[in-house]
Amino acid sequence: MVRDPNLTLADVQWVMGHAHITTTEIYIAPTPDEVVAHVLAHHERQRAEQAKPPAPPAPGYRLEVLAALFGTSAVGGEIR
């Protein structure tokens, strides 16, 4: 129940009959396998985000000015 995103910790506390929320909180500690899985998923999301091409500049900005400002090269109409 603690892992269900549609239930609050207070809901679980009530169902379990705990007088204090801190008693219910002992069930929210992740297992080592869960931590490893979440960290690996985080790194995969970071890799996927870095692989995306940068967003194009807003209309009206001159590519050569942006390239000079950010120390990149404007090749083929793109900032790199």
Protein backbone atom coordinates (compact mmCIF):
# COMPACT_ATOMS: atom_id res chain seq x y z
CA MET A 1 0.00 0.00 0.00
CA VAL A 2 2.85 2.39 0.77
CA ARG A 3 4.08 2.12 -2.84
CA ASP A 4 0.64 2.91 -4.30
CA PRO A 5 0.73 6.51 -5.60
CA ASN A 6 -3.04 6.82 -5.05
CA LEU A 7 -2.79 6.22 -1.30
CA THR A 8 -1.29 8.71 1.11
CA LEU A 9 0.86 7.67 4.02
CA ALA A 10 -1.96 8.85 6.29
CA ASP A 11 -4.32 6.41 4.50
CA VAL A 12 -1.93 3.55 5.18
CA GLN A 13 -1.53 4.71 8.79
CA TRP A 14 -5.29 4.53 9.28
CA VAL A 15 -5.60 1.09 7.66
CA MET A 16 -2.72 -0.29 9.73
CA GLY A 17 -4.11 1.24 12.92
CA HIS A 18 -0.90 3.08 13.77
CA ALA A 19 -1.26 5.84 16.34
CA HIS A 20 1.73 7.75 14.96
CA ILE A 21 2.74 8.40 11.37
CA THR A 22 6.37 7.70 12.30
CA THR A 23 5.40 4.07 12.91
CA THR A 24 4.01 3.85 9.38
CA GLU A 25 7.12 5.52 7.92
CA ILE A 26 9.22 2.44 8.63
CA TYR A 27 7.52 0.83 5.62
CA ILE A 28 8.70 3.52 3.19
CA ALA A 29 12.41 2.68 3.42
CA PRO A 30 13.48 1.39 0.00
CA THR A 31 15.25 -1.93 -0.43
CA PRO A 32 18.82 -1.87 -1.78
CA ASP A 33 17.54 -3.33 -5.07
CA GLU A 34 15.02 -0.50 -5.41
CA VAL A 35 17.71 2.11 -4.79
CA VAL A 36 20.00 0.56 -7.41
CA ALA A 37 17.14 0.36 -9.93
CA HIS A 38 16.16 4.00 -9.32
CA VAL A 39 19.77 5.22 -9.65
CA LEU A 40 20.30 3.26 -12.87
CA ALA A 41 17.03 4.67 -14.26
CA HIS A 42 18.16 8.18 -13.28
CA HIS A 43 21.45 7.76 -15.16
CA GLU A 44 19.62 6.42 -18.21
CA ARG A 45 17.30 9.47 -18.21
CA GLN A 46 20.35 11.73 -17.95
CA ARG A 47 21.99 9.98 -20.93
CA ALA A 48 18.79 10.25 -22.98
CA GLU A 49 18.46 13.95 -22.12
CA GLN A 50 22.07 14.68 -23.12
CA ALA A 51 21.58 12.84 -26.44
CA LYS A 52 18.75 15.18 -27.44
CA PRO A 53 19.75 18.00 -29.76
CA PRO A 54 19.58 21.44 -28.19
CA ALA A 55 16.48 23.52 -28.80
CA PRO A 56 16.81 25.99 -31.67
CA PRO A 57 17.23 29.62 -30.73
CA ALA A 58 14.15 31.79 -30.63
CA PRO A 59 13.29 33.64 -33.83
CA GLY A 60 15.13 36.91 -34.24
CA TYR A 61 18.47 35.84 -32.76
CA ARG A 62 21.44 35.87 -35.10
CA LEU A 63 23.34 32.58 -35.04
CA GLU A 64 26.76 34.21 -35.38
CA VAL A 65 26.10 36.42 -32.36
CA LEU A 66 24.98 33.45 -30.25
CA ALA A 67 28.02 31.47 -31.41
CA ALA A 68 30.34 34.30 -30.35
CA LEU A 69 28.54 34.72 -27.04
CA PHE A 70 28.58 31.05 -26.07
CA GLY A 71 31.85 30.03 -27.74
CA THR A 72 30.22 27.63 -30.15
CA SER A 73 30.28 27.36 -33.90
CA ALA A 74 27.36 28.16 -36.14
CA VAL A 75 27.45 25.52 -38.85
CA GLY A 76 24.64 24.90 -41.27
CA GLY A 77 22.32 27.21 -39.40
CA GLU A 78 22.71 25.38 -36.08
CA ILE A 79 24.43 26.35 -32.85
CA ARG A 80 26.86 23.64 -31.78
